[in-house]
N, C-alpha and C. Protein backbone atom coordinates (compact mmCIF):
# COMPACT_ATOMS: atom_id res chain seq x y z
N MET A 1 62.81 -30.13 8.54
CA MET A 1 63.32 -29.74 9.84
C MET A 1 64.11 -30.89 10.47
N PHE A 2 63.54 -32.12 10.40
CA PHE A 2 64.22 -33.27 10.99
C PHE A 2 65.57 -33.50 10.32
N LEU A 3 65.62 -33.39 8.98
CA LEU A 3 66.86 -33.60 8.25
C LEU A 3 67.92 -32.59 8.66
N LYS A 4 67.52 -31.36 8.90
CA LYS A 4 68.47 -30.33 9.32
C LYS A 4 69.09 -30.69 10.67
N LYS A 5 68.30 -31.25 11.57
CA LYS A 5 68.80 -31.61 12.89
C LYS A 5 69.66 -32.87 12.85
N ILE A 6 69.39 -33.77 11.93
CA ILE A 6 70.08 -35.05 11.89
C ILE A 6 71.38 -35.00 11.08
N LYS A 7 71.58 -33.97 10.25
CA LYS A 7 72.78 -33.88 9.41
C LYS A 7 74.08 -33.98 10.20
N PRO A 8 74.25 -33.23 11.31
CA PRO A 8 75.50 -33.37 12.06
C PRO A 8 75.72 -34.78 12.58
N VAL A 9 74.67 -35.46 12.98
CA VAL A 9 74.80 -36.83 13.49
C VAL A 9 75.22 -37.77 12.36
N LEU A 10 74.62 -37.61 11.19
CA LEU A 10 74.99 -38.44 10.04
C LEU A 10 76.43 -38.18 9.62
N ALA A 11 76.85 -36.93 9.63
CA ALA A 11 78.22 -36.59 9.27
C ALA A 11 79.21 -37.22 10.24
N LEU A 12 78.92 -37.14 11.52
CA LEU A 12 79.81 -37.75 12.51
C LEU A 12 79.81 -39.27 12.37
N GLY A 13 78.65 -39.85 12.10
CA GLY A 13 78.58 -41.30 11.89
C GLY A 13 79.44 -41.74 10.72
N ALA A 14 79.40 -40.99 9.62
CA ALA A 14 80.24 -41.30 8.47
C ALA A 14 81.72 -41.18 8.82
N LEU A 15 82.05 -40.14 9.57
CA LEU A 15 83.43 -39.94 10.00
C LEU A 15 83.90 -41.12 10.85
N LEU A 16 83.07 -41.56 11.77
CA LEU A 16 83.43 -42.69 12.64
C LEU A 16 83.61 -43.97 11.83
N ALA A 17 82.72 -44.21 10.87
CA ALA A 17 82.79 -45.42 10.07
C ALA A 17 84.05 -45.46 9.21
N LEU A 18 84.49 -44.31 8.73
CA LEU A 18 85.67 -44.25 7.86
C LEU A 18 86.96 -43.99 8.62
N GLN A 19 86.89 -43.82 9.91
CA GLN A 19 88.06 -43.45 10.70
C GLN A 19 89.25 -44.40 10.51
N PRO A 20 89.08 -45.73 10.56
CA PRO A 20 90.24 -46.59 10.38
C PRO A 20 90.92 -46.43 9.02
N VAL A 21 90.14 -46.17 7.97
CA VAL A 21 90.71 -45.96 6.64
C VAL A 21 91.57 -44.70 6.62
N PHE A 22 91.03 -43.59 7.14
CA PHE A 22 91.79 -42.34 7.18
C PHE A 22 93.01 -42.48 8.08
N ALA A 23 92.87 -43.17 9.19
CA ALA A 23 93.96 -43.31 10.14
C ALA A 23 95.14 -44.04 9.50
N ALA A 24 94.87 -45.09 8.73
CA ALA A 24 95.94 -45.82 8.08
C ALA A 24 96.68 -44.93 7.09
N ASP A 25 95.95 -44.11 6.33
CA ASP A 25 96.58 -43.21 5.37
C ASP A 25 97.38 -42.11 6.04
N MET A 26 96.93 -41.64 7.20
CA MET A 26 97.61 -40.54 7.91
C MET A 26 98.78 -41.04 8.73
N GLY A 27 98.93 -42.34 8.88
CA GLY A 27 99.98 -42.87 9.72
C GLY A 27 99.63 -42.82 11.19
N ALA A 28 98.35 -42.77 11.51
CA ALA A 28 97.93 -42.74 12.91
C ALA A 28 98.22 -44.09 13.56
N ASP A 29 98.50 -44.05 14.85
CA ASP A 29 98.77 -45.27 15.61
C ASP A 29 97.52 -45.83 16.27
N SER A 30 96.49 -45.00 16.45
CA SER A 30 95.24 -45.45 17.04
C SER A 30 94.13 -44.47 16.69
N VAL A 31 92.90 -44.94 16.83
CA VAL A 31 91.72 -44.10 16.66
C VAL A 31 90.82 -44.32 17.87
N ALA A 32 90.00 -43.32 18.18
CA ALA A 32 89.15 -43.43 19.37
C ALA A 32 87.79 -42.77 19.12
N VAL A 33 86.83 -43.23 19.88
CA VAL A 33 85.52 -42.60 19.98
C VAL A 33 85.30 -42.32 21.46
N GLU A 34 84.86 -41.10 21.77
CA GLU A 34 84.65 -40.70 23.16
C GLU A 34 83.24 -40.17 23.33
N PHE A 35 82.69 -40.43 24.49
CA PHE A 35 81.38 -39.92 24.86
C PHE A 35 81.54 -39.18 26.17
N GLY A 36 80.97 -37.97 26.25
CA GLY A 36 81.12 -37.18 27.46
C GLY A 36 79.81 -36.56 27.90
N THR A 37 79.76 -36.25 29.19
CA THR A 37 78.61 -35.57 29.74
C THR A 37 79.08 -34.51 30.73
N GLY A 38 78.37 -33.40 30.71
CA GLY A 38 78.63 -32.30 31.63
C GLY A 38 77.31 -31.78 32.15
N SER A 39 77.31 -30.56 32.65
CA SER A 39 76.08 -29.98 33.18
C SER A 39 75.15 -29.59 32.03
N LYS A 40 74.14 -30.42 31.78
CA LYS A 40 73.15 -30.21 30.72
C LYS A 40 73.78 -30.10 29.33
N VAL A 41 74.83 -30.89 29.10
CA VAL A 41 75.49 -30.93 27.80
C VAL A 41 76.08 -32.32 27.58
N GLN A 42 76.00 -32.80 26.32
CA GLN A 42 76.58 -34.08 25.96
C GLN A 42 77.52 -33.89 24.79
N MET A 43 78.44 -34.86 24.64
CA MET A 43 79.44 -34.77 23.58
C MET A 43 79.71 -36.15 23.01
N ILE A 44 79.98 -36.18 21.70
CA ILE A 44 80.56 -37.35 21.05
C ILE A 44 81.77 -36.83 20.28
N ARG A 45 82.87 -37.59 20.36
CA ARG A 45 84.12 -37.10 19.76
C ARG A 45 84.82 -38.26 19.06
N ALA A 46 85.36 -38.00 17.88
CA ALA A 46 86.19 -38.95 17.14
C ALA A 46 87.60 -38.38 17.08
N SER A 47 88.59 -39.26 17.20
CA SER A 47 89.97 -38.75 17.22
C SER A 47 90.93 -39.78 16.64
N ALA A 48 92.09 -39.28 16.25
CA ALA A 48 93.20 -40.11 15.80
C ALA A 48 94.43 -39.70 16.60
N GLN A 49 95.26 -40.69 16.94
CA GLN A 49 96.44 -40.43 17.75
C GLN A 49 97.70 -40.85 17.01
N LYS A 50 98.77 -40.10 17.23
CA LYS A 50 100.09 -40.41 16.67
C LYS A 50 101.10 -40.41 17.81
N ASN A 51 101.71 -41.57 18.06
CA ASN A 51 102.69 -41.68 19.14
C ASN A 51 103.93 -40.85 18.85
N TRP A 52 104.56 -40.37 19.92
CA TRP A 52 105.77 -39.56 19.78
C TRP A 52 107.01 -40.42 19.51
N GLU A 53 106.93 -41.71 19.79
CA GLU A 53 108.07 -42.63 19.61
C GLU A 53 109.26 -42.21 20.46
N ARG A 54 108.99 -41.61 21.61
CA ARG A 54 110.03 -41.24 22.58
C ARG A 54 109.56 -41.68 23.95
N SER A 55 110.51 -41.97 24.81
CA SER A 55 110.14 -42.31 26.18
C SER A 55 111.18 -41.74 27.14
N TRP A 56 110.71 -41.44 28.33
CA TRP A 56 111.54 -40.88 29.38
C TRP A 56 111.30 -41.65 30.67
N PHE A 57 112.23 -41.54 31.59
CA PHE A 57 112.10 -42.13 32.93
C PHE A 57 111.77 -43.62 32.88
N GLU A 58 112.51 -44.35 32.06
CA GLU A 58 112.29 -45.80 31.95
C GLU A 58 112.77 -46.49 33.21
N SER A 59 111.90 -47.30 33.82
CA SER A 59 112.24 -48.00 35.05
C SER A 59 111.24 -49.12 35.31
N ASN A 60 111.75 -50.30 35.63
CA ASN A 60 110.91 -51.44 36.01
C ASN A 60 109.80 -51.74 35.01
N GLY A 61 110.09 -51.64 33.73
CA GLY A 61 109.11 -51.97 32.70
C GLY A 61 108.06 -50.91 32.46
N THR A 62 108.29 -49.68 32.94
CA THR A 62 107.37 -48.56 32.71
C THR A 62 108.15 -47.37 32.16
N HIS A 63 107.44 -46.43 31.62
CA HIS A 63 108.07 -45.20 31.13
C HIS A 63 107.02 -44.10 30.95
N LEU A 64 107.50 -42.90 30.74
CA LEU A 64 106.66 -41.76 30.37
C LEU A 64 106.83 -41.56 28.88
N SER A 65 105.73 -41.47 28.16
CA SER A 65 105.75 -41.26 26.72
C SER A 65 104.63 -40.29 26.39
N GLY A 66 104.20 -40.29 25.14
CA GLY A 66 103.11 -39.39 24.79
C GLY A 66 102.66 -39.57 23.36
N TYR A 67 101.66 -38.78 23.00
CA TYR A 67 101.10 -38.84 21.66
C TYR A 67 100.39 -37.53 21.34
N TRP A 68 100.18 -37.30 20.05
CA TRP A 68 99.34 -36.20 19.58
C TRP A 68 97.93 -36.74 19.40
N ASP A 69 96.94 -35.96 19.81
CA ASP A 69 95.54 -36.33 19.66
C ASP A 69 94.85 -35.25 18.83
N ALA A 70 94.43 -35.61 17.61
CA ALA A 70 93.65 -34.70 16.76
C ALA A 70 92.20 -35.17 16.82
N ASN A 71 91.28 -34.24 17.13
CA ASN A 71 89.91 -34.67 17.37
C ASN A 71 88.88 -33.71 16.80
N LEU A 72 87.69 -34.27 16.57
CA LEU A 72 86.53 -33.52 16.11
C LEU A 72 85.34 -33.98 16.95
N ALA A 73 84.65 -33.02 17.57
CA ALA A 73 83.54 -33.35 18.48
C ALA A 73 82.28 -32.59 18.11
N LEU A 74 81.17 -33.15 18.52
CA LEU A 74 79.88 -32.47 18.47
C LEU A 74 79.35 -32.36 19.89
N TRP A 75 79.00 -31.14 20.30
CA TRP A 75 78.41 -30.89 21.62
C TRP A 75 76.94 -30.57 21.42
N ARG A 76 76.13 -31.02 22.37
CA ARG A 76 74.70 -30.68 22.35
C ARG A 76 74.32 -30.19 23.73
N GLY A 77 74.11 -28.88 23.83
CA GLY A 77 73.66 -28.27 25.07
C GLY A 77 72.15 -28.36 25.18
N ASN A 78 71.65 -28.60 26.38
CA ASN A 78 70.22 -28.77 26.60
C ASN A 78 69.57 -27.61 27.34
N ALA A 79 70.32 -26.53 27.54
CA ALA A 79 69.78 -25.34 28.21
C ALA A 79 70.41 -24.10 27.59
N TYR A 80 70.26 -23.97 26.25
CA TYR A 80 70.84 -22.84 25.52
C TYR A 80 70.33 -21.52 26.10
N ARG A 81 71.26 -20.60 26.33
CA ARG A 81 70.96 -19.30 26.94
C ARG A 81 70.21 -19.45 28.27
N ASN A 82 70.50 -20.56 28.94
CA ASN A 82 69.93 -20.86 30.25
C ASN A 82 68.42 -21.12 30.20
N VAL A 83 67.92 -21.56 29.04
CA VAL A 83 66.50 -21.90 28.89
C VAL A 83 66.40 -23.42 28.78
N PRO A 84 65.90 -24.10 29.81
CA PRO A 84 65.78 -25.56 29.75
C PRO A 84 64.98 -26.01 28.53
N GLY A 85 65.52 -27.00 27.82
CA GLY A 85 64.86 -27.52 26.63
C GLY A 85 65.31 -26.87 25.34
N ASP A 86 65.91 -25.68 25.39
CA ASP A 86 66.47 -25.07 24.18
C ASP A 86 67.84 -25.70 23.93
N HIS A 87 68.13 -26.01 22.67
CA HIS A 87 69.35 -26.74 22.35
C HIS A 87 70.36 -25.86 21.62
N GLN A 88 71.62 -26.18 21.84
CA GLN A 88 72.72 -25.55 21.12
C GLN A 88 73.64 -26.67 20.64
N ASN A 89 73.91 -26.70 19.33
CA ASN A 89 74.83 -27.68 18.75
C ASN A 89 76.11 -26.96 18.35
N ILE A 90 77.23 -27.50 18.77
CA ILE A 90 78.53 -26.89 18.49
C ILE A 90 79.47 -27.97 17.99
N ALA A 91 80.22 -27.66 16.93
CA ALA A 91 81.31 -28.52 16.47
C ALA A 91 82.60 -27.98 17.07
N VAL A 92 83.46 -28.89 17.51
CA VAL A 92 84.72 -28.50 18.15
C VAL A 92 85.85 -29.31 17.53
N ALA A 93 86.89 -28.63 17.03
CA ALA A 93 88.08 -29.28 16.50
C ALA A 93 89.23 -28.99 17.46
N GLY A 94 90.03 -30.02 17.75
CA GLY A 94 91.09 -29.82 18.72
C GLY A 94 92.36 -30.59 18.40
N LEU A 95 93.45 -30.14 19.00
CA LEU A 95 94.75 -30.80 18.91
C LEU A 95 95.39 -30.73 20.29
N THR A 96 95.78 -31.90 20.82
CA THR A 96 96.31 -31.96 22.18
C THR A 96 97.54 -32.84 22.26
N PRO A 97 98.65 -32.32 22.78
CA PRO A 97 99.77 -33.20 23.14
C PRO A 97 99.45 -33.84 24.50
N VAL A 98 99.61 -35.15 24.58
CA VAL A 98 99.24 -35.89 25.79
C VAL A 98 100.45 -36.67 26.31
N PHE A 99 100.76 -36.52 27.59
CA PHE A 99 101.78 -37.32 28.25
C PHE A 99 101.11 -38.53 28.88
N ARG A 100 101.73 -39.71 28.69
CA ARG A 100 101.15 -40.94 29.23
C ARG A 100 102.21 -41.75 29.97
N PHE A 101 101.89 -42.15 31.21
CA PHE A 101 102.73 -43.07 31.98
C PHE A 101 102.16 -44.46 31.78
N GLU A 102 102.98 -45.37 31.22
CA GLU A 102 102.47 -46.68 30.82
C GLU A 102 103.56 -47.73 30.92
N ARG A 103 103.17 -48.99 30.75
CA ARG A 103 104.14 -50.07 30.68
C ARG A 103 104.92 -49.95 29.38
N SER A 104 106.11 -50.51 29.36
CA SER A 104 106.96 -50.43 28.17
C SER A 104 106.35 -51.14 26.97
N ASP A 105 105.53 -52.17 27.20
CA ASP A 105 104.89 -52.86 26.08
C ASP A 105 103.58 -52.19 25.66
N LYS A 106 103.26 -51.05 26.28
CA LYS A 106 102.08 -50.24 25.97
C LYS A 106 100.77 -51.00 26.22
N ARG A 107 100.78 -51.97 27.11
CA ARG A 107 99.59 -52.72 27.49
C ARG A 107 99.33 -52.48 28.97
N GLY A 108 98.13 -52.80 29.42
CA GLY A 108 97.81 -52.69 30.83
C GLY A 108 97.34 -51.29 31.21
N PHE A 109 97.45 -51.00 32.52
CA PHE A 109 96.97 -49.72 33.03
C PHE A 109 97.88 -48.57 32.63
N TYR A 110 97.29 -47.38 32.49
CA TYR A 110 98.05 -46.16 32.20
C TYR A 110 97.38 -44.98 32.90
N GLY A 111 98.15 -43.91 33.04
CA GLY A 111 97.63 -42.62 33.48
C GLY A 111 98.12 -41.58 32.50
N GLU A 112 97.33 -40.54 32.24
CA GLU A 112 97.73 -39.54 31.25
C GLU A 112 97.20 -38.17 31.61
N ALA A 113 97.84 -37.16 31.01
CA ALA A 113 97.41 -35.77 31.18
C ALA A 113 97.80 -35.00 29.93
N GLY A 114 96.96 -34.03 29.54
CA GLY A 114 97.26 -33.22 28.37
C GLY A 114 96.60 -31.86 28.44
N ILE A 115 97.23 -30.91 27.75
CA ILE A 115 96.67 -29.56 27.59
C ILE A 115 96.81 -29.20 26.12
N GLY A 116 95.68 -28.95 25.46
CA GLY A 116 95.71 -28.63 24.04
C GLY A 116 94.85 -27.43 23.71
N VAL A 117 94.62 -27.25 22.42
CA VAL A 117 93.82 -26.12 21.94
C VAL A 117 92.62 -26.65 21.16
N SER A 118 91.53 -25.87 21.20
CA SER A 118 90.30 -26.24 20.50
C SER A 118 89.68 -25.01 19.87
N LEU A 119 89.01 -25.21 18.75
CA LEU A 119 88.30 -24.15 18.06
C LEU A 119 86.83 -24.54 17.95
N PHE A 120 85.95 -23.66 18.42
CA PHE A 120 84.51 -23.92 18.46
C PHE A 120 83.83 -23.28 17.25
N SER A 121 82.78 -23.92 16.74
CA SER A 121 82.02 -23.36 15.62
C SER A 121 81.15 -22.19 16.06
N HIS A 122 80.74 -22.17 17.33
CA HIS A 122 79.91 -21.10 17.90
C HIS A 122 80.36 -20.85 19.33
N LEU A 123 80.03 -19.68 19.87
CA LEU A 123 80.31 -19.42 21.27
C LEU A 123 79.39 -20.26 22.14
N TYR A 124 79.94 -20.88 23.16
CA TYR A 124 79.18 -21.74 24.05
C TYR A 124 78.39 -20.89 25.04
N ASN A 125 77.07 -21.17 25.17
CA ASN A 125 76.20 -20.45 26.10
C ASN A 125 75.10 -21.42 26.53
N ASN A 126 75.36 -22.16 27.60
CA ASN A 126 74.46 -23.22 28.01
C ASN A 126 74.45 -23.36 29.52
N ASP A 127 73.28 -23.51 30.12
CA ASP A 127 73.12 -23.78 31.55
C ASP A 127 73.88 -22.78 32.41
N ASP A 128 73.79 -21.51 32.07
CA ASP A 128 74.45 -20.44 32.82
C ASP A 128 75.97 -20.48 32.75
N ASN A 129 76.52 -21.27 31.83
CA ASN A 129 77.96 -21.28 31.55
C ASN A 129 78.17 -20.64 30.19
N ARG A 130 79.08 -19.67 30.14
CA ARG A 130 79.37 -19.00 28.87
C ARG A 130 80.87 -18.97 28.64
N LEU A 131 81.24 -19.20 27.38
CA LEU A 131 82.63 -19.06 26.94
C LEU A 131 82.64 -17.94 25.91
N SER A 132 83.45 -16.92 26.14
CA SER A 132 83.37 -15.71 25.32
C SER A 132 84.22 -15.76 24.06
N THR A 133 84.97 -16.84 23.85
CA THR A 133 85.80 -16.94 22.65
C THR A 133 85.59 -18.31 21.99
N ALA A 134 85.83 -18.37 20.69
CA ALA A 134 85.77 -19.64 19.98
C ALA A 134 87.03 -20.46 20.21
N PHE A 135 88.13 -19.81 20.58
CA PHE A 135 89.38 -20.49 20.91
C PHE A 135 89.38 -20.85 22.39
N GLN A 136 89.63 -22.12 22.69
CA GLN A 136 89.64 -22.59 24.08
C GLN A 136 90.82 -23.53 24.30
N PHE A 137 91.29 -23.56 25.54
CA PHE A 137 92.24 -24.58 25.96
C PHE A 137 91.44 -25.78 26.45
N ALA A 138 91.95 -26.97 26.18
CA ALA A 138 91.30 -28.20 26.64
C ALA A 138 92.32 -29.00 27.42
N ASP A 139 92.10 -29.16 28.71
CA ASP A 139 93.02 -29.95 29.51
C ASP A 139 92.29 -31.14 30.12
N HIS A 140 93.04 -32.22 30.33
CA HIS A 140 92.42 -33.41 30.90
C HIS A 140 93.42 -34.22 31.72
N ILE A 141 92.87 -35.03 32.59
CA ILE A 141 93.63 -36.04 33.32
C ILE A 141 92.80 -37.31 33.26
N GLY A 142 93.46 -38.44 32.99
CA GLY A 142 92.69 -39.66 32.81
C GLY A 142 93.48 -40.91 33.12
N ALA A 143 92.78 -42.03 33.07
CA ALA A 143 93.37 -43.34 33.30
C ALA A 143 92.61 -44.35 32.46
N GLY A 144 93.26 -45.48 32.20
CA GLY A 144 92.59 -46.50 31.42
C GLY A 144 93.38 -47.78 31.37
N TYR A 145 92.97 -48.63 30.46
CA TYR A 145 93.58 -49.95 30.32
C TYR A 145 93.64 -50.30 28.84
N VAL A 146 94.82 -50.77 28.37
CA VAL A 146 94.99 -51.24 27.00
C VAL A 146 95.06 -52.77 27.07
N PHE A 147 94.13 -53.43 26.40
CA PHE A 147 94.05 -54.88 26.42
C PHE A 147 95.04 -55.49 25.44
N ALA A 148 95.33 -56.80 25.60
CA ALA A 148 96.28 -57.50 24.73
C ALA A 148 95.83 -57.50 23.27
N ASN A 149 94.52 -57.40 23.02
CA ASN A 149 94.02 -57.38 21.64
C ASN A 149 94.04 -55.98 21.03
N GLN A 150 94.69 -55.03 21.71
CA GLN A 150 94.92 -53.65 21.26
C GLN A 150 93.70 -52.75 21.36
N TRP A 151 92.67 -53.17 22.05
CA TRP A 151 91.55 -52.29 22.36
C TRP A 151 91.85 -51.57 23.66
N GLU A 152 91.38 -50.35 23.78
CA GLU A 152 91.62 -49.54 24.98
C GLU A 152 90.30 -49.01 25.52
N LEU A 153 90.19 -48.99 26.84
CA LEU A 153 89.05 -48.40 27.51
C LEU A 153 89.58 -47.43 28.55
N GLY A 154 89.10 -46.19 28.53
CA GLY A 154 89.60 -45.19 29.46
C GLY A 154 88.53 -44.22 29.90
N ALA A 155 88.87 -43.44 30.91
CA ALA A 155 87.98 -42.39 31.42
C ALA A 155 88.84 -41.19 31.76
N LYS A 156 88.27 -40.00 31.61
CA LYS A 156 89.02 -38.80 31.96
C LYS A 156 88.10 -37.69 32.40
N LEU A 157 88.68 -36.79 33.15
CA LEU A 157 88.03 -35.53 33.51
C LEU A 157 88.62 -34.48 32.60
N GLN A 158 87.77 -33.70 31.95
CA GLN A 158 88.24 -32.70 30.99
C GLN A 158 87.63 -31.35 31.30
N HIS A 159 88.42 -30.31 31.05
CA HIS A 159 87.99 -28.94 31.30
C HIS A 159 88.33 -28.08 30.09
N TYR A 160 87.36 -27.29 29.63
CA TYR A 160 87.57 -26.32 28.55
C TYR A 160 87.48 -24.92 29.14
N SER A 161 88.42 -24.06 28.75
CA SER A 161 88.45 -22.68 29.24
C SER A 161 89.36 -21.88 28.32
N ASN A 162 89.17 -20.55 28.27
CA ASN A 162 90.09 -19.73 27.47
C ASN A 162 91.26 -19.21 28.29
N GLY A 163 91.42 -19.73 29.49
CA GLY A 163 92.55 -19.33 30.33
C GLY A 163 92.36 -17.98 30.99
N GLY A 164 91.18 -17.42 30.89
CA GLY A 164 90.89 -16.14 31.54
C GLY A 164 91.29 -14.91 30.74
N PHE A 165 91.64 -15.06 29.44
CA PHE A 165 92.03 -13.86 28.70
C PHE A 165 90.85 -13.05 28.19
N LYS A 166 89.61 -13.57 28.30
CA LYS A 166 88.42 -12.78 27.99
C LYS A 166 87.26 -13.33 28.81
N HIS A 167 86.45 -12.43 29.32
CA HIS A 167 85.32 -12.83 30.16
C HIS A 167 84.00 -12.59 29.44
N PRO A 168 82.95 -13.35 29.68
CA PRO A 168 82.86 -14.40 30.69
C PRO A 168 83.62 -15.66 30.27
N ASN A 169 84.06 -16.40 31.27
CA ASN A 169 84.83 -17.61 31.04
C ASN A 169 84.58 -18.58 32.18
N SER A 170 83.36 -19.08 32.27
CA SER A 170 83.03 -19.98 33.38
C SER A 170 83.58 -21.38 33.20
N GLY A 171 84.00 -21.74 32.00
CA GLY A 171 84.55 -23.06 31.75
C GLY A 171 83.48 -24.12 31.63
N VAL A 172 83.86 -25.24 31.04
CA VAL A 172 82.95 -26.38 30.88
C VAL A 172 83.71 -27.63 31.33
N ASN A 173 83.11 -28.39 32.22
CA ASN A 173 83.73 -29.60 32.75
C ASN A 173 83.01 -30.84 32.24
N TRP A 174 83.77 -31.89 31.99
CA TRP A 174 83.24 -33.11 31.41
C TRP A 174 83.73 -34.35 32.16
N LEU A 175 82.92 -35.38 32.15
CA LEU A 175 83.34 -36.74 32.44
C LEU A 175 83.27 -37.47 31.11
N VAL A 176 84.39 -38.04 30.67
CA VAL A 176 84.49 -38.61 29.33
C VAL A 176 84.89 -40.09 29.41
N VAL A 177 84.24 -40.92 28.60
CA VAL A 177 84.60 -42.33 28.46
C VAL A 177 85.15 -42.52 27.05
N LYS A 178 86.25 -43.26 26.95
CA LYS A 178 86.97 -43.43 25.68
C LYS A 178 87.08 -44.91 25.33
N VAL A 179 86.83 -45.22 24.05
CA VAL A 179 87.09 -46.54 23.49
C VAL A 179 88.02 -46.32 22.31
N ALA A 180 89.16 -47.02 22.29
CA ALA A 180 90.15 -46.81 21.23
C ALA A 180 90.63 -48.14 20.68
N ARG A 181 91.14 -48.08 19.47
CA ARG A 181 91.75 -49.25 18.81
C ARG A 181 93.14 -48.85 18.36
N HIS A 182 94.14 -49.62 18.79
CA HIS A 182 95.53 -49.38 18.41
C HIS A 182 95.89 -50.26 17.22
N PHE A 183 96.79 -49.75 16.37
CA PHE A 183 97.21 -50.51 15.18
C PHE A 183 98.60 -51.07 15.37
């Protein structure tokens, strides 16, 4: 029983450990690990980013740019079917185009926003929040700082919803902390 519960954690751990190797082969510009919390639900997410290599509105050493974010997350709900203590584990794969306002040297403070798509392994039903489809939109707004040694620390508010095309659709909100390494 314990092994069955720990398998997803071990799989994600292996993915995180090998992430820099895969990122170099895929041509990724950075990799990240994110931790999130919502109403009776937690998340860990691994991702790789690819810069768009384009910039707009260049002025005073800043510009608007962006990147693709491909991610894989594990969610753990602590009130499955609204029963405290019952757990629901969900894997979520996503792809998000993200716009980022940053310095031209890509260091220092930044602000970003993105709207992408996600596919869930199971329908979410936790703490009186239900999502009626496995396909969800994932939008976020965030800010952070990229250090001179190419490490990044950020935070964002994230919302998952199917956009109202099928009910119930109460949505899931997150506070997410991000640690990334740029190459």
